[in-house]
Amino acid sequence: MRLFFLILLFFNFVYSSQEIAFSNSSKEYIDKNIFNIAITKNWYPFSFRGDKGEASGISSEYWDLVVQKLGLKTNNIFYDSFYDQLEALKAGKSDIIFSAGDSSTLNRSFATFSKEYLIFPISIATKKDENFIESFNEIKDKKIAVGNNFTSHNILKEHYSNIDFILVDNPKSGLEKVLNDEAFAYIDVKPVLTYNIAKFEFDELKVSGNSGFNYLLKIMVRNEHKELIPLINQAIDSIDKKELDEIVLKWNNVQFQSFIDYKTILFLVVIIFLGTLAFTHRNVTLNILNKKLLKTVEDKTKELQNLNKNLQNMVNAKTNELLEKDAIINQQSKMAAMGEMLENIAHQWRQPLSIISTIVTSMKLKKELGMLQDDEFVRNMDMINKSSQHLSNTIDDFRNFFKVEKESIEFDISKSIEKAIYLLSSRIENHDIKIVQNLSTVYITSYENEFIQVLINILNNSIDILKDKNQNDRYIFLDLYTKNQNVVLKIKDSGGGIDNSLISRIFEPYFTTKYKSQGTGIGLYMSIEIISKHLNGELTVTNQEFSYKNSSFIGAEFTIKIPIR
């Protein structure tokens, strides 16, 4: 195996280092001619004019190898475009183009081509946000820019003769048209695209795919010197592939450096000098200003210290004022609730007291007339006793409601709702209001009496609205359920809702939609305070449109949401 590799290396060395055998006529022909080489000034990275006037690029370095192999004497002539190169070749002003592509559309009447020495794909450059393009067919209906009479252009014309391409003089112009949305894509040989995108920092562009065609780099010779073609082909065959790969790799990894612009450097030195002067002057000025500012800061600091001495007293005074205001509001809320409860107590007592009064008057009259029987006397005494017990129970119910209860207890919310309705039963019955309940048994640990107070405030508002409505349209709906570890209670009435311009203010203290003689504006304020601060819940209100028993209603819907735990 080792012997095989040694033999392989030997033949490779012999092949790569072999000299080209010239006939006498070929040698004489080469010696007596100086060949004019047409070179494009700006076809990066294949052939272009370097900073010192030399020919640079992939094709230029490859051509140097061919010149060395054949011993040619050459004279470089630079042109602005490939089109100018061809015209010079036609006119006999130039003899050779060493970086040309062959196509059937190219006029072969004046020149002959060598075999290809490099093959590259003809690729498509677009903006970065475009998707991958597999072939030219995907974009043939769009605006496409190509180099005027470049081989890429000729190859595309050969296959797509009906397309009106946007023609440019050089790759930079084509890429700029894509950047400025004058063309969807610019098509050229792949190394040309990648090199120019990097060189001119077209960061918004990319190579998005291939056209499906390849660019075969050949050497183009004017027909008057077609005797060179066989010699050039021998030179191409004799050049080691490793040398070719090194040339391509070198230009694929080229780093761009700007040339030294002494005018710019001088301008920058002047700017830096002036900037230094300005900076020095600024520092001197700032030092003077800093001294003045330090004095001003000291004076202002003393003023602030004096203000801070009184600030705490002002804060304490304002805090006390707010606490007193909250205490007054709480007291007013309690008094308002007390007044409403006394009205309910009076109504609850009115009927039992009327019964007792009627029985006593009847018994007294019958006694005077001698008509009072013993069994009737006993029956009347039982009725008086039951009515007295009812009065006593009513007192206990209202006393329990007003009892100060600061310790949280576990209670069934549905039972608390029933208590609130019972305490307001006199008002509800007096105004023929129908209560529609859909309640579930839900236990929470919180302050029951404060929760009942909120219910009474909301229900009283609904009663005040409904008492002036048509008797058949007086409804209050209560729905109780659990959702996401919260108990939700919705209280809705058929009272017509709250004015949209006022609904956002109804929880403000002292704000009321009733006449001043009918409301204080603190019930709903205290309700939202109790729900949010004492029960850690939420209280909101919206207007809702709904149907019940084939009738449509609009009303306010209060939603209470309290965490179960």
Protein backbone atom coordinates (compact mmCIF):
# COMPACT_ATOMS: atom_id res chain seq x y z
CA MET A 1 0.00 0.00 0.00
CA ARG A 2 2.82 2.43 0.88
CA LEU A 3 4.51 1.65 -2.44
CA PHE A 4 1.28 2.45 -4.29
CA PHE A 5 1.06 5.89 -2.68
CA LEU A 6 4.71 6.63 -3.46
CA ILE A 7 4.13 5.74 -7.13
CA LEU A 8 0.98 7.91 -7.16
CA LEU A 9 2.85 10.87 -5.67
CA PHE A 10 5.66 10.43 -8.21
CA PHE A 11 3.33 10.52 -11.20
CA ASN A 12 1.48 13.45 -9.75
CA PHE A 13 4.79 15.33 -9.37
CA VAL A 14 5.82 14.48 -12.92
CA TYR A 15 2.43 15.56 -14.31
CA SER A 16 2.23 18.83 -12.33
CA SER A 17 5.76 19.88 -13.10
CA GLN A 18 5.92 18.79 -16.71
CA GLU A 19 6.96 21.34 -19.27
CA ILE A 20 4.90 22.06 -22.38
CA ALA A 21 6.51 20.80 -25.57
CA PHE A 22 6.52 23.50 -28.26
CA SER A 23 6.99 22.96 -31.96
CA ASN A 24 9.47 25.25 -33.65
CA SER A 25 6.69 27.15 -35.40
CA SER A 26 4.78 27.61 -32.13
CA LYS A 27 7.91 28.79 -30.36
CA GLU A 28 8.66 31.23 -33.16
CA TYR A 29 5.04 32.46 -33.18
CA ILE A 30 5.07 33.15 -29.42
CA ASP A 31 8.45 34.88 -29.52
CA LYS A 32 7.57 37.34 -32.28
CA ASN A 33 4.17 38.51 -30.87
CA ILE A 34 3.18 40.79 -28.02
CA PHE A 35 -0.46 40.06 -27.08
CA ASN A 36 -2.84 42.80 -25.92
CA ILE A 37 -4.93 41.53 -23.01
CA ALA A 38 -8.41 43.09 -22.51
CA ILE A 39 -9.21 43.28 -18.77
CA THR A 40 -12.37 44.58 -17.06
CA LYS A 41 -11.60 47.24 -14.45
CA ASN A 42 -14.20 46.10 -11.94
CA TRP A 43 -15.30 42.46 -12.40
CA TYR A 44 -14.66 41.43 -8.81
CA PRO A 45 -13.30 38.93 -7.81
CA PHE A 46 -12.33 37.52 -11.23
CA SER A 47 -10.51 40.39 -12.92
CA PHE A 48 -10.11 44.02 -11.95
CA ARG A 49 -7.54 46.78 -11.71
CA GLY A 50 -5.60 46.78 -8.45
CA ASP A 51 -4.49 49.78 -6.37
CA LYS A 52 -1.10 49.87 -8.19
CA GLY A 53 -2.55 49.44 -11.69
CA GLU A 54 -1.94 45.69 -11.85
CA ALA A 55 -4.43 43.03 -12.93
CA SER A 56 -5.90 41.27 -9.88
CA GLY A 57 -8.45 38.58 -9.15
CA ILE A 58 -9.03 34.84 -9.61
CA SER A 59 -8.81 34.85 -13.42
CA SER A 60 -5.88 37.28 -13.40
CA GLU A 61 -3.78 35.03 -11.16
CA TYR A 62 -4.76 31.97 -13.20
CA TRP A 63 -3.78 33.80 -16.43
CA ASP A 64 -0.39 34.60 -14.89
CA LEU A 65 0.17 30.84 -14.54
CA VAL A 66 -0.74 30.32 -18.23
CA VAL A 67 1.60 33.16 -19.27
CA GLN A 68 4.44 31.59 -17.28
CA LYS A 69 3.78 28.14 -18.79
CA LEU A 70 3.75 29.51 -22.35
CA GLY A 71 6.27 32.32 -21.95
CA LEU A 72 3.93 34.88 -23.50
CA LYS A 73 4.74 38.58 -23.80
CA THR A 74 1.62 40.58 -22.89
CA ASN A 75 0.35 44.11 -22.58
CA ASN A 76 -2.64 44.78 -20.29
CA ILE A 77 -5.41 47.16 -21.43
CA PHE A 78 -8.23 47.94 -18.96
CA TYR A 79 -11.85 48.52 -20.03
CA ASP A 80 -14.93 49.71 -18.15
CA SER A 81 -17.13 46.71 -19.01
CA PHE A 82 -17.20 43.31 -20.66
CA TYR A 83 -19.07 44.89 -23.57
CA ASP A 84 -16.10 47.23 -24.14
CA GLN A 85 -13.75 44.23 -24.03
CA LEU A 86 -15.71 42.47 -26.76
CA GLU A 87 -15.79 45.60 -28.92
CA ALA A 88 -12.02 45.97 -28.53
CA LEU A 89 -11.54 42.32 -29.51
CA LYS A 90 -13.73 42.78 -32.60
CA ALA A 91 -11.82 45.91 -33.65
CA GLY A 92 -8.45 44.20 -33.25
CA LYS A 93 -7.38 46.55 -30.42
CA SER A 94 -7.08 43.55 -28.08
CA ASP A 95 -6.18 39.92 -28.64
CA ILE A 96 -7.20 37.96 -25.55
CA ILE A 97 -9.88 38.05 -22.83
CA PHE A 98 -8.81 35.58 -20.12
CA SER A 99 -12.08 35.77 -18.11
CA ALA A 100 -14.89 35.05 -20.56
CA GLY A 101 -17.92 32.80 -20.57
CA ASP A 102 -19.07 30.93 -23.63
CA SER A 103 -22.71 30.93 -24.82
CA SER A 104 -24.52 30.17 -28.05
CA THR A 105 -25.76 33.78 -28.32
CA LEU A 106 -22.21 35.15 -28.34
CA ASN A 107 -20.88 36.12 -31.76
CA ARG A 108 -18.13 33.59 -32.56
CA SER A 109 -17.18 35.11 -35.90
CA PHE A 110 -14.21 37.02 -34.47
CA ALA A 111 -12.97 34.83 -31.60
CA THR A 112 -12.27 31.26 -30.46
CA PHE A 113 -12.57 29.80 -26.94
CA SER A 114 -10.27 27.56 -24.95
CA LYS A 115 -11.55 24.72 -22.74
CA GLU A 116 -13.04 25.78 -19.40
CA TYR A 117 -10.68 26.17 -16.46
CA LEU A 118 -13.28 26.97 -13.75
CA ILE A 119 -17.00 26.25 -13.30
CA PHE A 120 -19.26 28.31 -11.03
CA PRO A 121 -23.06 28.39 -10.61
CA ILE A 122 -24.95 31.41 -11.92
CA SER A 123 -26.74 32.54 -8.75
CA ILE A 124 -29.50 34.92 -7.70
CA ALA A 125 -29.10 37.81 -5.21
CA THR A 126 -32.18 39.27 -3.48
CA LYS A 127 -33.07 41.01 -0.26
CA LYS A 128 -32.53 38.98 2.94
CA ASP A 129 -36.24 38.49 3.68
CA GLU A 130 -36.82 36.47 0.49
CA ASN A 131 -37.11 32.66 0.60
CA PHE A 132 -34.71 30.17 -1.02
CA ILE A 133 -35.00 30.12 -4.83
CA GLU A 134 -34.45 26.73 -6.48
CA SER A 135 -34.39 27.87 -10.12
CA PHE A 136 -34.86 30.87 -12.40
CA ASN A 137 -38.39 29.67 -13.32
CA GLU A 138 -39.63 30.78 -9.88
CA ILE A 139 -38.78 34.43 -10.56
CA LYS A 140 -38.99 34.77 -14.34
CA ASP A 141 -42.09 37.01 -14.04
CA LYS A 142 -40.31 39.51 -11.81
CA LYS A 143 -37.94 42.39 -12.62
CA ILE A 144 -34.46 40.89 -13.07
CA ALA A 145 -31.19 42.83 -13.44
CA VAL A 146 -28.16 41.36 -15.28
CA GLY A 147 -24.87 42.69 -16.60
CA ASN A 148 -25.16 44.06 -20.14
CA ASN A 149 -23.81 41.39 -22.54
CA PHE A 150 -22.28 39.48 -19.60
CA THR A 151 -22.15 35.72 -20.17
CA SER A 152 -24.87 35.31 -17.51
CA HIS A 153 -27.02 37.64 -19.59
CA ASN A 154 -26.32 35.72 -22.81
CA ILE A 155 -27.08 32.35 -21.20
CA LEU A 156 -30.40 33.60 -19.82
CA LYS A 157 -31.33 35.20 -23.18
CA GLU A 158 -30.63 31.89 -24.86
CA HIS A 159 -33.26 30.14 -22.68
CA TYR A 160 -35.64 33.05 -21.97
CA SER A 161 -35.63 35.21 -25.08
CA ASN A 162 -38.96 36.89 -24.26
CA ILE A 163 -37.83 38.37 -20.92
CA ASP A 164 -37.01 42.09 -20.84
CA PHE A 165 -34.06 42.21 -18.45
CA ILE A 166 -32.83 45.35 -16.65
CA LEU A 167 -29.30 45.82 -18.02
CA VAL A 168 -26.50 47.27 -15.88
CA ASP A 169 -22.83 48.03 -16.54
CA ASN A 170 -21.40 46.35 -13.44
CA PRO A 171 -22.43 44.13 -10.47
CA LYS A 172 -22.49 47.04 -8.02
CA SER A 173 -25.16 48.82 -10.09
CA GLY A 174 -27.22 45.62 -10.30
CA LEU A 175 -27.08 45.03 -6.54
CA GLU A 176 -28.00 48.67 -5.87
CA LYS A 177 -31.12 48.28 -8.00
CA VAL A 178 -32.19 45.33 -5.82
CA LEU A 179 -31.41 47.34 -2.66
CA ASN A 180 -33.52 50.27 -3.95
CA ASP A 181 -36.43 47.97 -5.03
CA GLU A 182 -35.87 48.83 -8.72
CA ALA A 183 -35.33 45.11 -9.36
CA PHE A 184 -36.37 41.97 -7.51
CA ALA A 185 -33.03 40.20 -8.12
CA TYR A 186 -29.59 40.57 -9.69
CA ILE A 187 -28.12 37.51 -11.43
CA ASP A 188 -24.39 36.85 -11.84
CA VAL A 189 -21.71 34.28 -11.09
CA LYS A 190 -21.86 33.27 -7.42
CA PRO A 191 -18.36 34.50 -6.39
CA VAL A 192 -19.16 37.87 -8.04
CA LEU A 193 -22.31 38.19 -5.93
CA THR A 194 -20.74 37.18 -2.60
CA TYR A 195 -17.64 39.32 -3.18
CA ASN A 196 -19.55 42.48 -4.13
CA ILE A 197 -22.14 42.10 -1.33
CA ALA A 198 -19.27 41.93 1.19
CA LYS A 199 -17.10 44.61 -0.46
CA PHE A 200 -19.82 47.25 -0.68
CA GLU A 201 -21.43 46.20 2.65
CA PHE A 202 -24.85 45.47 1.18
CA ASP A 203 -25.95 43.92 4.48
CA GLU A 204 -29.62 43.77 3.43
CA LEU A 205 -28.84 41.46 0.47
CA LYS A 206 -28.02 37.75 0.21
CA VAL A 207 -27.51 34.97 -2.33
CA SER A 208 -30.97 33.36 -2.27
CA GLY A 209 -30.43 30.48 -4.70
CA ASN A 210 -29.17 29.33 -8.10
CA SER A 211 -30.59 29.91 -11.56
CA GLY A 212 -29.99 26.33 -12.65
CA PHE A 213 -27.20 27.35 -15.07
CA ASN A 214 -23.42 27.17 -14.71
CA TYR A 215 -20.79 29.69 -15.74
CA LEU A 216 -17.84 28.07 -17.58
CA LEU A 217 -14.79 30.33 -17.40
CA LYS A 218 -12.74 30.15 -20.62
CA ILE A 219 -10.04 32.11 -22.37
CA MET A 220 -11.26 33.98 -25.47
CA VAL A 221 -8.75 34.57 -28.29
CA ARG A 222 -9.20 36.72 -31.41
CA ASN A 223 -9.29 34.51 -34.52
CA GLU A 224 -6.06 36.06 -35.87
CA HIS A 225 -4.27 34.31 -32.98
CA LYS A 226 -6.30 31.07 -32.80
CA GLU A 227 -3.01 29.17 -33.04
CA LEU A 228 -2.70 29.93 -29.30
CA ILE A 229 -5.80 27.86 -28.40
CA PRO A 230 -4.09 24.40 -28.43
CA LEU A 231 -1.16 25.82 -26.47
CA ILE A 232 -3.48 27.46 -23.93
CA ASN A 233 -5.38 24.17 -23.54
CA GLN A 234 -2.09 22.37 -22.84
CA ALA A 235 -1.26 25.00 -20.24
CA ILE A 236 -4.70 24.55 -18.61
CA ASP A 237 -4.13 20.77 -18.45
CA SER A 238 -0.69 21.23 -16.91
CA ILE A 239 -1.75 23.52 -14.05
CA ASP A 240 -2.07 21.61 -10.80
CA LYS A 241 -5.62 21.59 -9.36
CA LYS A 242 -4.14 22.40 -5.95
CA GLU A 243 -2.77 25.67 -7.30
CA LEU A 244 -6.18 26.53 -8.74
CA ASP A 245 -7.95 25.71 -5.45
CA GLU A 246 -5.52 27.92 -3.52
CA ILE A 247 -6.28 30.87 -5.83
CA VAL A 248 -10.09 30.43 -5.46
CA LEU A 249 -9.86 29.95 -1.67
CA LYS A 250 -7.68 33.05 -1.32
CA TRP A 251 -10.27 35.27 -3.03
CA ASN A 252 -13.20 33.67 -1.21
CA ASN A 253 -11.57 34.66 2.09
CA VAL A 254 -10.37 38.12 1.04
CA GLN A 255 -10.54 40.81 3.73
CA PHE A 256 -11.46 44.30 2.55
CA GLN A 257 -9.30 47.19 3.65
CA SER A 258 -9.71 50.77 2.65
CA PHE A 259 -6.75 52.51 1.03
CA ILE A 260 -5.00 55.22 2.98
CA ASP A 261 -6.63 58.57 2.30
CA TYR A 262 -4.17 61.18 3.51
CA LYS A 263 -6.64 64.02 2.99
CA THR A 264 -9.10 62.25 5.25
CA ILE A 265 -6.37 61.59 7.84
CA LEU A 266 -5.37 65.28 7.79
CA PHE A 267 -9.00 66.27 8.13
CA LEU A 268 -9.41 63.92 11.10
CA VAL A 269 -6.24 65.29 12.75
CA VAL A 270 -7.60 68.83 12.43
CA ILE A 271 -10.96 67.73 13.82
CA ILE A 272 -9.26 65.99 16.76
CA PHE A 273 -7.14 69.08 17.46
CA LEU A 274 -10.14 71.36 17.38
CA GLY A 275 -12.06 68.87 19.49
CA THR A 276 -9.25 68.85 22.06
CA LEU A 277 -9.32 72.65 22.23
CA ALA A 278 -13.08 72.61 22.61
CA PHE A 279 -12.84 69.91 25.28
CA THR A 280 -10.23 71.91 27.24
CA HIS A 281 -12.31 75.07 27.01
CA ARG A 282 -15.36 73.09 28.08
CA ASN A 283 -13.56 71.67 31.12
CA VAL A 284 -12.45 75.14 32.23
CA THR A 285 -15.98 76.46 31.77
CA LEU A 286 -17.45 73.47 33.61
CA ASN A 287 -15.10 73.98 36.56
CA ILE A 288 -16.31 77.55 36.89
CA LEU A 289 -19.94 76.44 36.58
CA ASN A 290 -19.40 73.61 39.06
CA LYS A 291 -18.25 76.05 41.71
CA LYS A 292 -21.35 78.17 41.14
CA LEU A 293 -23.55 75.07 41.16
CA LEU A 294 -22.01 73.81 44.41
CA LYS A 295 -22.90 77.11 46.06
CA THR A 296 -26.42 76.93 44.63
CA VAL A 297 -26.81 73.30 45.76
CA GLU A 298 -25.72 74.20 49.27
CA ASP A 299 -28.29 77.01 49.42
CA LYS A 300 -31.05 74.78 48.02
CA THR A 301 -30.09 71.96 50.39
CA LYS A 302 -30.58 74.25 53.35
CA GLU A 303 -33.98 75.28 52.01
CA LEU A 304 -34.95 71.62 51.53
CA GLN A 305 -33.84 70.76 55.04
CA ASN A 306 -36.08 73.50 56.39
CA LEU A 307 -38.98 72.24 54.28
CA ASN A 308 -38.40 68.63 55.38
CA LYS A 309 -38.69 69.66 59.03
CA ASN A 310 -42.30 70.69 58.42
CA LEU A 311 -43.11 67.97 55.86
CA GLN A 312 -43.64 65.19 58.42
CA ASN A 313 -46.01 67.37 60.42
CA MET A 314 -47.94 68.15 57.24
CA VAL A 315 -48.11 64.44 56.35
CA ASN A 316 -49.29 63.52 59.85
CA ALA A 317 -51.93 66.23 59.78
CA LYS A 318 -53.20 65.09 56.36
CA THR A 319 -53.19 61.44 57.47
CA ASN A 320 -55.25 62.29 60.54
CA GLU A 321 -57.61 64.29 58.38
CA LEU A 322 -58.11 61.31 56.05
CA LEU A 323 -58.60 58.93 58.96
CA GLU A 324 -61.21 61.26 60.45
CA LYS A 325 -62.91 61.46 57.05
CA ASP A 326 -63.01 57.64 56.78
CA ALA A 327 -64.37 57.43 60.33
CA ILE A 328 -67.11 59.93 59.45
CA ILE A 329 -67.99 57.97 56.31
CA ASN A 330 -68.11 54.71 58.31
CA GLN A 331 -70.34 56.34 60.91
CA GLN A 332 -72.63 57.75 58.23
CA SER A 333 -72.80 54.33 56.62
CA LYS A 334 -73.73 52.74 59.94
CA MET A 335 -76.38 55.40 60.62
CA ALA A 336 -77.83 54.97 57.15
CA ALA A 337 -77.93 51.19 57.61
CA MET A 338 -79.43 51.69 61.08
CA GLY A 339 -82.17 53.89 59.67
CA GLU A 340 -83.05 51.35 57.02
CA MET A 341 -83.06 48.53 59.57
CA LEU A 342 -85.33 50.50 61.94
CA GLU A 343 -87.77 50.93 59.08
CA ASN A 344 -87.69 47.17 58.49
CA ILE A 345 -88.10 46.46 62.26
CA ALA A 346 -91.11 48.77 62.40
CA HIS A 347 -92.73 46.94 59.48
CA GLN A 348 -91.94 43.51 60.98
CA TRP A 349 -93.50 44.58 64.30
CA ARG A 350 -96.56 46.28 62.85
CA GLN A 351 -98.54 43.12 62.09
CA PRO A 352 -97.87 41.26 65.43
CA LEU A 353 -98.66 44.40 67.43
CA SER A 354 -101.89 44.85 65.45
CA ILE A 355 -102.89 41.25 66.23
CA ILE A 356 -102.15 41.71 69.97
CA SER A 357 -104.07 45.00 70.06
CA THR A 358 -107.10 43.48 68.29
CA ILE A 359 -107.18 40.41 70.58
CA VAL A 360 -106.88 42.50 73.79
CA THR A 361 -109.64 44.93 72.71
CA SER A 362 -111.93 42.02 71.73
CA MET A 363 -111.34 40.19 75.03
CA LYS A 364 -111.99 43.36 77.09
CA LEU A 365 -115.32 44.00 75.31
CA LYS A 366 -116.48 40.40 75.66
CA LYS A 367 -115.51 40.38 79.38
CA GLU A 368 -117.60 43.47 79.99
CA LEU A 369 -120.52 41.89 78.18
CA GLY A 370 -120.00 38.58 79.98
CA MET A 371 -119.42 36.80 76.70
CA LEU A 372 -115.78 35.71 77.19
CA GLN A 373 -115.50 31.96 77.30
CA ASP A 374 -112.60 30.14 79.00
CA ASP A 375 -111.49 28.24 75.89
CA GLU A 376 -111.54 31.45 73.82
CA PHE A 377 -109.53 33.18 76.56
CA VAL A 378 -106.87 30.43 76.47
CA ARG A 379 -106.75 30.48 72.63
CA ASN A 380 -106.32 34.28 72.59
CA MET A 381 -103.57 34.08 75.21
CA ASP A 382 -101.68 31.55 73.02
CA MET A 383 -101.99 33.85 70.02
CA ILE A 384 -100.71 36.83 72.04
CA ASN A 385 -97.77 34.68 73.24
CA LYS A 386 -96.88 33.60 69.66
CA SER A 387 -97.00 37.21 68.46
CA SER A 388 -94.75 38.27 71.37
CA GLN A 389 -92.27 35.49 70.48
CA HIS A 390 -92.25 36.74 66.87
CA LEU A 391 -91.43 40.26 68.11
CA SER A 392 -88.60 38.89 70.26
CA ASN A 393 -87.14 36.82 67.40
CA THR A 394 -87.23 39.84 65.11
CA ILE A 395 -85.22 41.85 67.65
CA ASP A 396 -82.66 39.01 67.91
CA ASP A 397 -82.28 38.85 64.11
CA PHE A 398 -81.59 42.55 63.76
CA ARG A 399 -79.36 42.62 66.83
CA ASN A 400 -77.21 39.81 65.35
CA PHE A 401 -76.83 41.81 62.16
CA PHE A 402 -75.54 44.90 63.99
CA LYS A 403 -73.28 42.90 66.29
CA VAL A 404 -69.60 43.91 65.89
CA GLU A 405 -67.92 40.78 64.57
CA LYS A 406 -64.17 41.05 63.90
CA GLU A 407 -63.30 37.38 64.00
CA SER A 408 -63.65 35.59 60.68
CA ILE A 409 -65.88 32.53 60.74
CA GLU A 410 -66.85 29.81 58.29
CA PHE A 411 -70.34 30.38 56.94
CA ASP A 412 -72.58 29.30 54.08
CA ILE A 413 -72.98 32.23 51.67
CA SER A 414 -76.40 30.99 50.50
CA LYS A 415 -77.66 31.23 54.11
CA SER A 416 -76.23 34.76 54.42
CA ILE A 417 -78.12 35.75 51.27
CA GLU A 418 -81.35 34.38 52.81
CA LYS A 419 -80.69 36.45 55.97
CA ALA A 420 -80.22 39.62 53.93
CA ILE A 421 -83.44 38.97 52.01
CA TYR A 422 -85.28 38.32 55.28
CA LEU A 423 -84.04 41.59 56.80
CA LEU A 424 -85.37 43.42 53.74
CA SER A 425 -88.49 41.27 53.34
CA SER A 426 -90.84 44.10 54.41
CA ARG A 427 -89.58 46.42 51.65
CA ILE A 428 -89.55 43.60 49.11
CA GLU A 429 -93.17 42.61 49.92
CA ASN A 430 -94.41 46.21 50.11
CA HIS A 431 -93.24 46.90 46.55
CA ASP A 432 -94.26 43.51 45.08
CA ILE A 433 -90.72 42.68 44.06
CA LYS A 434 -90.07 39.09 42.95
CA ILE A 435 -86.76 37.45 43.96
CA VAL A 436 -85.39 34.80 41.54
CA GLN A 437 -82.63 32.74 43.18
CA ASN A 438 -80.18 30.22 41.76
CA LEU A 439 -77.97 29.48 44.76
CA SER A 440 -75.41 26.80 45.56
CA THR A 441 -74.11 25.83 48.97
CA VAL A 442 -70.69 27.46 49.28
CA TYR A 443 -68.69 27.86 52.47
CA ILE A 444 -66.04 30.52 52.97
CA THR A 445 -64.13 31.79 55.99
CA SER A 446 -64.61 35.55 56.36
CA TYR A 447 -66.75 38.24 58.05
CA GLU A 448 -70.41 37.27 57.60
CA ASN A 449 -72.07 40.40 58.96
CA GLU A 450 -69.98 42.68 56.75
CA PHE A 451 -70.88 40.50 53.75
CA ILE A 452 -74.57 40.79 54.66
CA GLN A 453 -74.18 44.58 54.94
CA VAL A 454 -72.87 44.68 51.34
CA LEU A 455 -75.83 42.57 50.15
CA ILE A 456 -78.30 44.88 51.90
CA ASN A 457 -76.69 47.96 50.31
CA ILE A 458 -76.91 46.47 46.81
CA LEU A 459 -80.44 45.05 47.29
CA ASN A 460 -81.69 48.39 48.71
CA ASN A 461 -80.43 50.16 45.58
CA SER A 462 -82.31 47.67 43.40
CA ILE A 463 -85.49 48.08 45.51
CA ASP A 464 -85.27 51.90 45.21
CA ILE A 465 -85.05 51.60 41.42
CA LEU A 466 -87.74 48.90 41.03
CA LYS A 467 -90.45 50.46 43.24
CA ASP A 468 -91.26 52.98 40.49
CA LYS A 469 -91.38 50.34 37.71
CA ASN A 470 -94.40 48.50 36.35
CA GLN A 471 -95.55 45.96 38.94
CA ASN A 472 -95.07 43.03 36.53
CA ASP A 473 -91.46 44.04 35.73
CA ARG A 474 -90.00 44.12 39.26
CA TYR A 475 -87.37 41.36 39.44
CA ILE A 476 -84.15 40.78 41.35
CA PHE A 477 -81.99 37.81 40.25
CA LEU A 478 -79.33 36.21 42.43
CA ASP A 479 -76.90 33.63 41.01
CA LEU A 480 -74.29 31.98 43.27
CA TYR A 481 -71.60 29.60 41.97
CA THR A 482 -67.86 28.81 42.21
CA LYS A 483 -65.23 29.39 39.53
CA ASN A 484 -61.42 29.06 39.67
CA GLN A 485 -61.25 28.80 43.49
CA ASN A 486 -63.52 31.86 43.85
CA VAL A 487 -67.13 32.20 44.90
CA VAL A 488 -69.05 34.40 42.46
CA LEU A 489 -72.34 36.13 43.30
CA LYS A 490 -74.20 38.06 40.61
CA ILE A 491 -77.04 40.38 41.68
CA LYS A 492 -79.09 41.65 38.74
CA ASP A 493 -82.32 43.63 38.54
CA SER A 494 -84.78 44.70 35.83
CA GLY A 495 -84.52 48.38 36.74
CA GLY A 496 -83.24 49.71 33.40
CA GLY A 497 -79.56 49.95 34.26
CA ILE A 498 -77.26 52.84 35.22
CA ASP A 499 -76.54 55.81 32.96
CA ASN A 500 -73.32 55.01 31.06
CA SER A 501 -71.94 58.45 31.88
CA LEU A 502 -72.34 57.74 35.63
CA ILE A 503 -71.59 54.02 35.98
CA SER A 504 -67.85 54.58 36.49
CA ARG A 505 -68.52 56.89 39.48
CA ILE A 506 -71.09 54.99 41.54
CA PHE A 507 -68.45 53.62 43.96
CA GLU A 508 -67.17 57.13 44.80
CA PRO A 509 -67.96 58.45 48.29
CA TYR A 510 -70.99 60.79 48.48
CA PHE A 511 -71.88 60.14 44.83
CA THR A 512 -75.56 59.25 44.38
CA THR A 513 -78.06 59.14 41.53
CA LYS A 514 -80.96 59.57 43.99
CA TYR A 515 -82.40 62.77 45.34
CA LYS A 516 -80.43 64.11 48.34
CA SER A 517 -83.36 63.28 50.60
CA GLN A 518 -83.30 59.63 49.48
CA GLY A 519 -79.58 58.74 49.46
CA THR A 520 -76.24 59.64 51.05
CA GLY A 521 -73.93 58.18 48.38
CA ILE A 522 -71.93 56.13 50.88
CA GLY A 523 -73.61 52.69 50.65
CA LEU A 524 -71.81 51.47 47.52
CA TYR A 525 -68.56 53.20 48.57
CA MET A 526 -68.60 51.23 51.85
CA SER A 527 -69.57 48.08 49.94
CA ILE A 528 -66.51 48.16 47.67
CA GLU A 529 -64.31 49.05 50.67
CA ILE A 530 -65.62 46.02 52.61
CA ILE A 531 -65.30 43.58 49.68
CA SER A 532 -61.79 44.70 48.62
CA LYS A 533 -60.16 45.43 52.00
CA HIS A 534 -61.94 43.14 54.47
CA LEU A 535 -62.96 40.17 52.30
CA ASN A 536 -60.00 40.38 49.82
CA GLY A 537 -62.40 40.21 46.89
CA GLU A 538 -63.68 42.27 43.96
CA LEU A 539 -66.92 44.20 43.38
CA THR A 540 -67.80 45.36 39.85
CA VAL A 541 -70.92 46.58 38.03
CA THR A 542 -72.06 46.50 34.39
CA ASN A 543 -75.30 47.02 32.50
CA GLN A 544 -76.79 43.81 31.07
CA GLU A 545 -79.56 43.04 28.57
CA PHE A 546 -81.37 39.75 29.26
CA SER A 547 -84.65 37.83 28.84
CA TYR A 548 -86.92 36.28 31.45
CA LYS A 549 -90.31 34.63 30.86
CA ASN A 550 -90.36 35.78 27.23
CA SER A 551 -89.76 39.41 28.24
CA SER A 552 -86.65 41.48 27.61
CA PHE A 553 -85.06 43.57 30.34
CA ILE A 554 -82.09 45.85 30.92
CA GLY A 555 -80.59 46.23 34.36
CA ALA A 556 -77.52 46.73 36.49
CA GLU A 557 -75.54 43.57 37.37
CA PHE A 558 -73.27 43.68 40.43
CA THR A 559 -70.64 40.92 40.56
CA ILE A 560 -68.99 39.94 43.86
CA LYS A 561 -65.93 37.66 43.61
CA ILE A 562 -64.36 36.35 46.86
CA PRO A 563 -61.55 33.76 47.23
CA ILE A 564 -62.86 30.56 48.81
CA ARG A 565 -59.61 30.28 50.81
